[in-house]
Amino acid sequence: MTRKFKRAVKAYVADGVLTQEEIEDLKKLAESEGIEEHEAHIYITSRLKKRKAKLEKPKNGVEKLSSIGETLVAVGGFALTVITFFKKK
């Protein structure tokens, strides 16, 4: 892969989506750079998959807050159940 091709792929997959026009542009660039079509396809697919995974991965702080929130809800629900149980007696 040439540096020019890698930079183009990185720019095109930045949003996690490749349009048909972008795919055609990358195919033309690969051809002009002397890159085999199947090699270009494998590289593009790999970079797109990695980018999508990165975009979909929650930020560490958000993940921790979500976990803390779930714990608080569970504990709060349990406490409410216990209080309700003892109030009925």
PDB file of N, CA and C in Angstrom:
ATOM      1  N   MET A   1       0.847  -1.179   0.000  1.00  0.00           N
ATOM      2  CA  MET A   1       0.000   0.000   0.000  1.00  0.00           C
ATOM      3  C   MET A   1       0.893   1.242   0.000  1.00  0.00           C
ATOM      4  N   THR A   2       0.491   2.203  -0.760  1.00  0.00           N
ATOM      5  CA  THR A   2       1.254   3.448  -0.775  1.00  0.00           C
ATOM      6  C   THR A   2       0.747   4.382   0.319  1.00  0.00           C
ATOM      7  N   ARG A   3       1.587   5.306   0.691  1.00  0.00           N
ATOM      8  CA  ARG A   3       1.212   6.273   1.723  1.00  0.00           C
ATOM      9  C   ARG A   3      -0.003   7.093   1.263  1.00  0.00           C
ATOM     10  N   LYS A   4      -0.007   7.460  -0.001  1.00  0.00           N
ATOM     11  CA  LYS A   4      -1.114   8.258  -0.552  1.00  0.00           C
ATOM     12  C   LYS A   4      -2.438   7.492  -0.434  1.00  0.00           C
ATOM     13  N   PHE A   5      -2.423   6.218  -0.761  1.00  0.00           N
ATOM     14  CA  PHE A   5      -3.631   5.399  -0.689  1.00  0.00           C
ATOM     15  C   PHE A   5      -4.095   5.244   0.763  1.00  0.00           C
ATOM     16  N   LYS A   6      -3.158   4.981   1.665  1.00  0.00           N
ATOM     17  CA  LYS A   6      -3.511   4.821   3.085  1.00  0.00           C
ATOM     18  C   LYS A   6      -4.136   6.089   3.653  1.00  0.00           C
ATOM     19  N   ARG A   7      -3.564   7.236   3.288  1.00  0.00           N
ATOM     20  CA  ARG A   7      -4.124   8.502   3.776  1.00  0.00           C
ATOM     21  C   ARG A   7      -5.532   8.729   3.235  1.00  0.00           C
ATOM     22  N   ALA A   8      -5.740   8.391   1.967  1.00  0.00           N
ATOM     23  CA  ALA A   8      -7.068   8.562   1.362  1.00  0.00           C
ATOM     24  C   ALA A   8      -8.087   7.659   2.060  1.00  0.00           C
ATOM     25  N   VAL A   9      -7.721   6.412   2.298  1.00  0.00           N
ATOM     26  CA  VAL A   9      -8.626   5.476   2.978  1.00  0.00           C
ATOM     27  C   VAL A   9      -8.956   6.003   4.370  1.00  0.00           C
ATOM     28  N   LYS A  10      -7.937   6.452   5.093  1.00  0.00           N
ATOM     29  CA  LYS A  10      -8.154   6.980   6.446  1.00  0.00           C
ATOM     30  C   LYS A  10      -9.142   8.143   6.423  1.00  0.00           C
ATOM     31  N   ALA A  11      -8.990   9.033   5.456  1.00  0.00           N
ATOM     32  CA  ALA A  11      -9.885  10.191   5.353  1.00  0.00           C
ATOM     33  C   ALA A  11     -11.311   9.755   5.012  1.00  0.00           C
ATOM     34  N   TYR A  12     -11.441   8.808   4.085  1.00  0.00           N
ATOM     35  CA  TYR A  12     -12.777   8.381   3.659  1.00  0.00           C
ATOM     36  C   TYR A  12     -13.523   7.591   4.737  1.00  0.00           C
ATOM     37  N   VAL A  13     -12.814   6.821   5.559  1.00  0.00           N
ATOM     38  CA  VAL A  13     -13.507   6.011   6.570  1.00  0.00           C
ATOM     39  C   VAL A  13     -13.651   6.730   7.911  1.00  0.00           C
ATOM     40  N   ALA A  14     -13.210   7.967   7.985  1.00  0.00           N
ATOM     41  CA  ALA A  14     -13.235   8.715   9.252  1.00  0.00           C
ATOM     42  C   ALA A  14     -14.626   8.763   9.884  1.00  0.00           C
ATOM     43  N   ASP A  15     -15.671   8.853   9.056  1.00  0.00           N
ATOM     44  CA  ASP A  15     -17.033   8.923   9.591  1.00  0.00           C
ATOM     45  C   ASP A  15     -17.664   7.546   9.780  1.00  0.00           C
ATOM     46  N   GLY A  16     -16.924   6.485   9.430  1.00  0.00           N
ATOM     47  CA  GLY A  16     -17.424   5.126   9.601  1.00  0.00           C
ATOM     48  C   GLY A  16     -18.350   4.648   8.499  1.00  0.00           C
ATOM     49  N   VAL A  17     -18.456   5.438   7.427  1.00  0.00           N
ATOM     50  CA  VAL A  17     -19.343   5.105   6.311  1.00  0.00           C
ATOM     51  C   VAL A  17     -18.607   5.350   5.002  1.00  0.00           C
ATOM     52  N   LEU A  18     -18.788   4.457   4.041  1.00  0.00           N
ATOM     53  CA  LEU A  18     -18.241   4.663   2.705  1.00  0.00           C
ATOM     54  C   LEU A  18     -19.387   4.708   1.704  1.00  0.00           C
ATOM     55  N   THR A  19     -19.486   5.788   0.978  1.00  0.00           N
ATOM     56  CA  THR A  19     -20.500   5.899  -0.061  1.00  0.00           C
ATOM     57  C   THR A  19     -19.990   5.196  -1.314  1.00  0.00           C
ATOM     58  N   GLN A  20     -20.884   4.947  -2.243  1.00  0.00           N
ATOM     59  CA  GLN A  20     -20.490   4.315  -3.498  1.00  0.00           C
ATOM     60  C   GLN A  20     -19.477   5.188  -4.243  1.00  0.00           C
ATOM     61  N   GLU A  21     -19.678   6.480  -4.194  1.00  0.00           N
ATOM     62  CA  GLU A  21     -18.756   7.417  -4.854  1.00  0.00           C
ATOM     63  C   GLU A  21     -17.358   7.330  -4.229  1.00  0.00           C
ATOM     64  N   GLU A  22     -17.300   7.243  -2.907  1.00  0.00           N
ATOM     65  CA  GLU A  22     -16.013   7.135  -2.223  1.00  0.00           C
ATOM     66  C   GLU A  22     -15.314   5.822  -2.571  1.00  0.00           C
ATOM     67  N   ILE A  23     -16.080   4.759  -2.662  1.00  0.00           N
ATOM     68  CA  ILE A  23     -15.514   3.455  -3.036  1.00  0.00           C
ATOM     69  C   ILE A  23     -14.915   3.535  -4.433  1.00  0.00           C
ATOM     70  N   GLU A  24     -15.639   4.147  -5.357  1.00  0.00           N
ATOM     71  CA  GLU A  24     -15.149   4.302  -6.733  1.00  0.00           C
ATOM     72  C   GLU A  24     -13.874   5.142  -6.759  1.00  0.00           C
ATOM     73  N   ASP A  25     -13.845   6.220  -5.977  1.00  0.00           N
ATOM     74  CA  ASP A  25     -12.643   7.063  -5.903  1.00  0.00           C
ATOM     75  C   ASP A  25     -11.450   6.249  -5.405  1.00  0.00           C
ATOM     76  N   LEU A  26     -11.671   5.438  -4.383  1.00  0.00           N
ATOM     77  CA  LEU A  26     -10.583   4.633  -3.826  1.00  0.00           C
ATOM     78  C   LEU A  26     -10.121   3.560  -4.811  1.00  0.00           C
ATOM     79  N   LYS A  27     -11.051   2.987  -5.562  1.00  0.00           N
ATOM     80  CA  LYS A  27     -10.682   2.001  -6.583  1.00  0.00           C
ATOM     81  C   LYS A  27      -9.797   2.637  -7.648  1.00  0.00           C
ATOM     82  N   LYS A  28     -10.191   3.827  -8.090  1.00  0.00           N
ATOM     83  CA  LYS A  28      -9.408   4.539  -9.109  1.00  0.00           C
ATOM     84  C   LYS A  28      -8.018   4.882  -8.583  1.00  0.00           C
ATOM     85  N   LEU A  29      -7.969   5.343  -7.340  1.00  0.00           N
ATOM     86  CA  LEU A  29      -6.685   5.687  -6.741  1.00  0.00           C
ATOM     87  C   LEU A  29      -5.797   4.447  -6.619  1.00  0.00           C
ATOM     88  N   ALA A  30      -6.383   3.347  -6.173  1.00  0.00           N
ATOM     89  CA  ALA A  30      -5.624   2.100  -6.043  1.00  0.00           C
ATOM     90  C   ALA A  30      -5.036   1.691  -7.387  1.00  0.00           C
ATOM     91  N   GLU A  31      -5.858   1.775  -8.416  1.00  0.00           N
ATOM     92  CA  GLU A  31      -5.396   1.407  -9.756  1.00  0.00           C
ATOM     93  C   GLU A  31      -4.249   2.316 -10.200  1.00  0.00           C
ATOM     94  N   SER A  32      -4.396   3.600  -9.966  1.00  0.00           N
ATOM     95  CA  SER A  32      -3.349   4.543 -10.385  1.00  0.00           C
ATOM     96  C   SER A  32      -2.063   4.378  -9.566  1.00  0.00           C
ATOM     97  N   GLU A  33      -2.188   3.847  -8.362  1.00  0.00           N
ATOM     98  CA  GLU A  33      -1.035   3.613  -7.499  1.00  0.00           C
ATOM     99  C   GLU A  33      -0.442   2.219  -7.700  1.00  0.00           C
ATOM    100  N   GLY A  34      -1.045   1.428  -8.598  1.00  0.00           N
ATOM    101  CA  GLY A  34      -0.535   0.093  -8.888  1.00  0.00           C
ATOM    102  C   GLY A  34      -0.877  -0.943  -7.834  1.00  0.00           C
ATOM    103  N   ILE A  35      -1.962  -0.717  -7.115  1.00  0.00           N
ATOM    104  CA  ILE A  35      -2.388  -1.645  -6.060  1.00  0.00           C
ATOM    105  C   ILE A  35      -3.444  -2.579  -6.640  1.00  0.00           C
ATOM    106  N   GLU A  36      -3.255  -3.875  -6.416  1.00  0.00           N
ATOM    107  CA  GLU A  36      -4.220  -4.871  -6.905  1.00  0.00           C
ATOM    108  C   GLU A  36      -5.591  -4.608  -6.280  1.00  0.00           C
ATOM    109  N   GLU A  37      -6.646  -4.834  -7.051  1.00  0.00           N
ATOM    110  CA  GLU A  37      -8.000  -4.544  -6.582  1.00  0.00           C
ATOM    111  C   GLU A  37      -8.361  -5.316  -5.322  1.00  0.00           C
ATOM    112  N   HIS A  38      -8.017  -6.608  -5.288  1.00  0.00           N
ATOM    113  CA  HIS A  38      -8.373  -7.407  -4.100  1.00  0.00           C
ATOM    114  C   HIS A  38      -7.589  -6.953  -2.874  1.00  0.00           C
ATOM    115  N   GLU A  39      -6.346  -6.522  -3.041  1.00  0.00           N
ATOM    116  CA  GLU A  39      -5.566  -6.015  -1.916  1.00  0.00           C
ATOM    117  C   GLU A  39      -6.166  -4.707  -1.392  1.00  0.00           C
ATOM    118  N   ALA A  40      -6.571  -3.854  -2.311  1.00  0.00           N
ATOM    119  CA  ALA A  40      -7.201  -2.587  -1.933  1.00  0.00           C
ATOM    120  C   ALA A  40      -8.497  -2.854  -1.180  1.00  0.00           C
ATOM    121  N   HIS A  41      -9.284  -3.797  -1.684  1.00  0.00           N
ATOM    122  CA  HIS A  41     -10.561  -4.136  -1.052  1.00  0.00           C
ATOM    123  C   HIS A  41     -10.341  -4.635   0.382  1.00  0.00           C
ATOM    124  N   ILE A  42      -9.364  -5.506   0.552  1.00  0.00           N
ATOM    125  CA  ILE A  42      -9.074  -6.048   1.884  1.00  0.00           C
ATOM    126  C   ILE A  42      -8.638  -4.928   2.823  1.00  0.00           C
ATOM    127  N   TYR A  43      -7.780  -4.041   2.356  1.00  0.00           N
ATOM    128  CA  TYR A  43      -7.293  -2.943   3.194  1.00  0.00           C
ATOM    129  C   TYR A  43      -8.432  -1.995   3.566  1.00  0.00           C
ATOM    130  N   ILE A  44      -9.243  -1.625   2.590  1.00  0.00           N
ATOM    131  CA  ILE A  44     -10.359  -0.707   2.833  1.00  0.00           C
ATOM    132  C   ILE A  44     -11.338  -1.317   3.834  1.00  0.00           C
ATOM    133  N   THR A  45     -11.685  -2.562   3.617  1.00  0.00           N
ATOM    134  CA  THR A  45     -12.629  -3.252   4.501  1.00  0.00           C
ATOM    135  C   THR A  45     -12.095  -3.323   5.927  1.00  0.00           C
ATOM    136  N   SER A  46     -10.824  -3.637   6.050  1.00  0.00           N
ATOM    137  CA  SER A  46     -10.195  -3.734   7.369  1.00  0.00           C
ATOM    138  C   SER A  46     -10.213  -2.390   8.091  1.00  0.00           C
ATOM    139  N   ARG A  47      -9.828  -1.333   7.408  1.00  0.00           N
ATOM    140  CA  ARG A  47      -9.798  -0.002   8.022  1.00  0.00           C
ATOM    141  C   ARG A  47     -11.207   0.472   8.388  1.00  0.00           C
ATOM    142  N   LEU A  48     -12.179   0.186   7.530  1.00  0.00           N
ATOM    143  CA  LEU A  48     -13.554   0.590   7.816  1.00  0.00           C
ATOM    144  C   LEU A  48     -14.087  -0.142   9.039  1.00  0.00           C
ATOM    145  N   LYS A  49     -13.803  -1.420   9.123  1.00  0.00           N
ATOM    146  CA  LYS A  49     -14.254  -2.219  10.267  1.00  0.00           C
ATOM    147  C   LYS A  49     -13.642  -1.694  11.570  1.00  0.00           C
ATOM    148  N   LYS A  50     -12.343  -1.395  11.541  1.00  0.00           N
ATOM    149  CA  LYS A  50     -11.678  -0.861  12.733  1.00  0.00           C
ATOM    150  C   LYS A  50     -12.252   0.492  13.129  1.00  0.00           C
ATOM    151  N   ARG A  51     -12.516   1.335  12.141  1.00  0.00           N
ATOM    152  CA  ARG A  51     -13.040   2.671  12.427  1.00  0.00           C
ATOM    153  C   ARG A  51     -14.442   2.594  13.027  1.00  0.00           C
ATOM    154  N   LYS A  52     -15.284   1.719  12.450  1.00  0.00           N
ATOM    155  CA  LYS A  52     -16.637   1.548  12.984  1.00  0.00           C
ATOM    156  C   LYS A  52     -16.594   1.070  14.426  1.00  0.00           C
ATOM    157  N   ALA A  53     -15.710   0.132  14.704  1.00  0.00           N
ATOM    158  CA  ALA A  53     -15.585  -0.395  16.069  1.00  0.00           C
ATOM    159  C   ALA A  53     -15.155   0.716  17.026  1.00  0.00           C
ATOM    160  N   LYS A  54     -14.240   1.553  16.583  1.00  0.00           N
ATOM    161  CA  LYS A  54     -13.777   2.648  17.434  1.00  0.00           C
ATOM    162  C   LYS A  54     -14.881   3.665  17.677  1.00  0.00           C
ATOM    163  N   LEU A  55     -15.659   3.955  16.654  1.00  0.00           N
ATOM    164  CA  LEU A  55     -16.749   4.921  16.795  1.00  0.00           C
ATOM    165  C   LEU A  55     -17.869   4.393  17.682  1.00  0.00           C
ATOM    166  N   GLU A  56     -18.091   3.088  17.656  1.00  0.00           N
ATOM    167  CA  GLU A  56     -19.174   2.488  18.430  1.00  0.00           C
ATOM    168  C   GLU A  56     -18.772   2.196  19.871  1.00  0.00           C
ATOM    169  N   LYS A  57     -17.475   2.160  20.158  1.00  0.00           N
ATOM    170  CA  LYS A  57     -16.997   1.857  21.501  1.00  0.00           C
ATOM    171  C   LYS A  57     -17.297   3.042  22.413  1.00  0.00           C
ATOM    172  N   PRO A  58     -17.981   2.791  23.534  1.00  0.00           N
ATOM    173  CA  PRO A  58     -18.284   3.890  24.451  1.00  0.00           C
ATOM    174  C   PRO A  58     -17.012   4.409  25.109  1.00  0.00           C
ATOM    175  N   LYS A  59     -17.014   5.667  25.425  1.00  0.00           N
ATOM    176  CA  LYS A  59     -15.882   6.271  26.130  1.00  0.00           C
ATOM    177  C   LYS A  59     -15.788   5.625  27.510  1.00  0.00           C
ATOM    178  N   ASN A  60     -14.607   5.481  28.020  1.00  0.00           N
ATOM    179  CA  ASN A  60     -14.375   4.797  29.293  1.00  0.00           C
ATOM    180  C   ASN A  60     -15.175   5.424  30.435  1.00  0.00           C
ATOM    181  N   GLY A  61     -15.190   6.743  30.522  1.00  0.00           N
ATOM    182  CA  GLY A  61     -15.932   7.415  31.584  1.00  0.00           C
ATOM    183  C   GLY A  61     -17.418   7.156  31.494  1.00  0.00           C
ATOM    184  N   VAL A  62     -17.950   7.159  30.276  1.00  0.00           N
ATOM    185  CA  VAL A  62     -19.380   6.906  30.074  1.00  0.00           C
ATOM    186  C   VAL A  62     -19.712   5.489  30.499  1.00  0.00           C
ATOM    187  N   GLU A  63     -18.831   4.569  30.146  1.00  0.00           N
ATOM    188  CA  GLU A  63     -19.051   3.170  30.511  1.00  0.00           C
ATOM    189  C   GLU A  63     -19.071   3.015  32.033  1.00  0.00           C
ATOM    190  N   LYS A  64     -18.139   3.678  32.712  1.00  0.00           N
ATOM    191  CA  LYS A  64     -18.087   3.593  34.168  1.00  0.00           C
ATOM    192  C   LYS A  64     -19.317   4.223  34.802  1.00  0.00           C
ATOM    193  N   LEU A  65     -19.727   5.391  34.314  1.00  0.00           N
ATOM    194  CA  LEU A  65     -20.911   6.051  34.859  1.00  0.00           C
ATOM    195  C   LEU A  65     -22.146   5.201  34.648  1.00  0.00           C
ATOM    196  N   SER A  66     -22.245   4.585  33.487  1.00  0.00           N
ATOM    197  CA  SER A  66     -23.377   3.722  33.200  1.00  0.00           C
ATOM    198  C   SER A  66     -23.407   2.562  34.199  1.00  0.00           C
ATOM    199  N   SER A  67     -22.254   1.994  34.456  1.00  0.00           N
ATOM    200  CA  SER A  67     -22.163   0.878  35.394  1.00  0.00           C
ATOM    201  C   SER A  67     -22.548   1.325  36.803  1.00  0.00           C
ATOM    202  N   ILE A  68     -22.064   2.488  37.212  1.00  0.00           N
ATOM    203  CA  ILE A  68     -22.411   3.019  38.533  1.00  0.00           C
ATOM    204  C   ILE A  68     -23.907   3.288  38.620  1.00  0.00           C
ATOM    205  N   GLY A  69     -24.467   3.854  37.570  1.00  0.00           N
ATOM    206  CA  GLY A  69     -25.902   4.136  37.533  1.00  0.00           C
ATOM    207  C   GLY A  69     -26.729   2.873  37.650  1.00  0.00           C
ATOM    208  N   GLU A  70     -26.326   1.819  36.955  1.00  0.00           N
ATOM    209  CA  GLU A  70     -27.046   0.553  37.026  1.00  0.00           C
ATOM    210  C   GLU A  70     -26.982  -0.016  38.437  1.00  0.00           C
ATOM    211  N   THR A  71     -25.840   0.120  39.079  1.00  0.00           N
ATOM    212  CA  THR A  71     -25.681  -0.370  40.451  1.00  0.00           C
ATOM    213  C   THR A  71     -26.578   0.407  41.407  1.00  0.00           C
ATOM    214  N   LEU A  72     -26.595   1.730  41.254  1.00  0.00           N
ATOM    215  CA  LEU A  72     -27.441   2.559  42.119  1.00  0.00           C
ATOM    216  C   LEU A  72     -28.916   2.235  41.943  1.00  0.00           C
ATOM    217  N   VAL A  73     -29.323   2.017  40.716  1.00  0.00           N
ATOM    218  CA  VAL A  73     -30.719   1.658  40.462  1.00  0.00           C
ATOM    219  C   VAL A  73     -31.039   0.322  41.113  1.00  0.00           C
ATOM    220  N   ALA A  74     -30.130  -0.636  40.997  1.00  0.00           N
ATOM    221  CA  ALA A  74     -30.365  -1.957  41.583  1.00  0.00           C
ATOM    222  C   ALA A  74     -30.441  -1.867  43.106  1.00  0.00           C
ATOM    223  N   VAL A  75     -29.502  -1.130  43.708  1.00  0.00           N
ATOM    224  CA  VAL A  75     -29.506  -0.975  45.165  1.00  0.00           C
ATOM    225  C   VAL A  75     -30.737  -0.197  45.608  1.00  0.00           C
ATOM    226  N   GLY A  76     -31.063   0.863  44.884  1.00  0.00           N
ATOM    227  CA  GLY A  76     -32.250   1.661  45.218  1.00  0.00           C
ATOM    228  C   GLY A  76     -33.521   0.841  45.123  1.00  0.00           C
ATOM    229  N   GLY A  77     -33.614   0.013  44.112  1.00  0.00           N
ATOM    230  CA  GLY A  77     -34.777  -0.852  43.955  1.00  0.00           C
ATOM    231  C   GLY A  77     -34.890  -1.852  45.086  1.00  0.00           C
ATOM    232  N   PHE A  78     -33.760  -2.406  45.497  1.00  0.00           N
ATOM    233  CA  PHE A  78     -33.747  -3.348  46.610  1.00  0.00           C
ATOM    234  C   PHE A  78     -34.159  -2.659  47.908  1.00  0.00           C
ATOM    235  N   ALA A  79     -33.599  -1.472  48.152  1.00  0.00           N
ATOM    236  CA  ALA A  79     -33.934  -0.721  49.364  1.00  0.00           C
ATOM    237  C   ALA A  79     -35.422  -0.399  49.398  1.00  0.00           C
ATOM    238  N   LEU A  80     -35.980  -0.008  48.290  1.00  0.00           N
ATOM    239  CA  LEU A  80     -37.400   0.312  48.214  1.00  0.00           C
ATOM    240  C   LEU A  80     -38.241  -0.927  48.506  1.00  0.00           C
ATOM    241  N   THR A  81     -37.815  -2.061  48.005  1.00  0.00           N
ATOM    242  CA  THR A  81     -38.530  -3.312  48.255  1.00  0.00           C
ATOM    243  C   THR A  81     -38.503  -3.648  49.745  1.00  0.00           C
ATOM    244  N   VAL A  82     -37.346  -3.486  50.377  1.00  0.00           N
ATOM    245  CA  VAL A  82     -37.211  -3.791  51.805  1.00  0.00           C
ATOM    246  C   VAL A  82     -38.074  -2.843  52.629  1.00  0.00           C
ATOM    247  N   ILE A  83     -38.026  -1.549  52.320  1.00  0.00           N
ATOM    248  CA  ILE A  83     -38.815  -0.571  53.053  1.00  0.00           C
ATOM    249  C   ILE A  83     -40.309  -0.867  52.907  1.00  0.00           C
ATOM    250  N   THR A  84     -40.744  -1.169  51.714  1.00  0.00           N
ATOM    251  CA  THR A  84     -42.146  -1.480  51.459  1.00  0.00           C
ATOM    252  C   THR A  84     -42.555  -2.738  52.231  1.00  0.00           C
ATOM    253  N   PHE A  85     -41.701  -3.725  52.254  1.00  0.00           N
ATOM    254  CA  PHE A  85     -41.969  -4.978  52.940  1.00  0.00           C
ATOM    255  C   PHE A  85     -42.183  -4.719  54.440  1.00  0.00           C
ATOM    256  N   PHE A  86     -41.304  -3.955  55.067  1.00  0.00           N
ATOM    257  CA  PHE A  86     -41.407  -3.688  56.502  1.00  0.00           C
ATOM    258  C   PHE A  86     -42.544  -2.740  56.848  1.00  0.00           C
ATOM    259  N   LYS A  87     -42.916  -1.864  55.928  1.00  0.00           N
ATOM    260  CA  LYS A  87     -44.047  -0.966  56.175  1.00  0.00           C
ATOM    261  C   LYS A  87     -45.360  -1.736  56.225  1.00  0.00           C
ATOM    262  N   LYS A  88     -45.447  -2.810  55.474  1.00  0.00           N
ATOM    263  CA  LYS A  88     -46.673  -3.600  55.430  1.00  0.00           C
ATOM    264  C   LYS A  88     -46.865  -4.382  56.729  1.00  0.00           C
ATOM    265  N   LYS A  89     -45.832  -4.646  57.477  1.00  0.00           N
ATOM    266  CA  LYS A  89     -45.937  -5.449  58.710  1.00  0.00           C
ATOM    267  C   LYS A  89     -46.394  -4.665  59.869  1.00  0.00           C
TER     268      LYS A  89
END
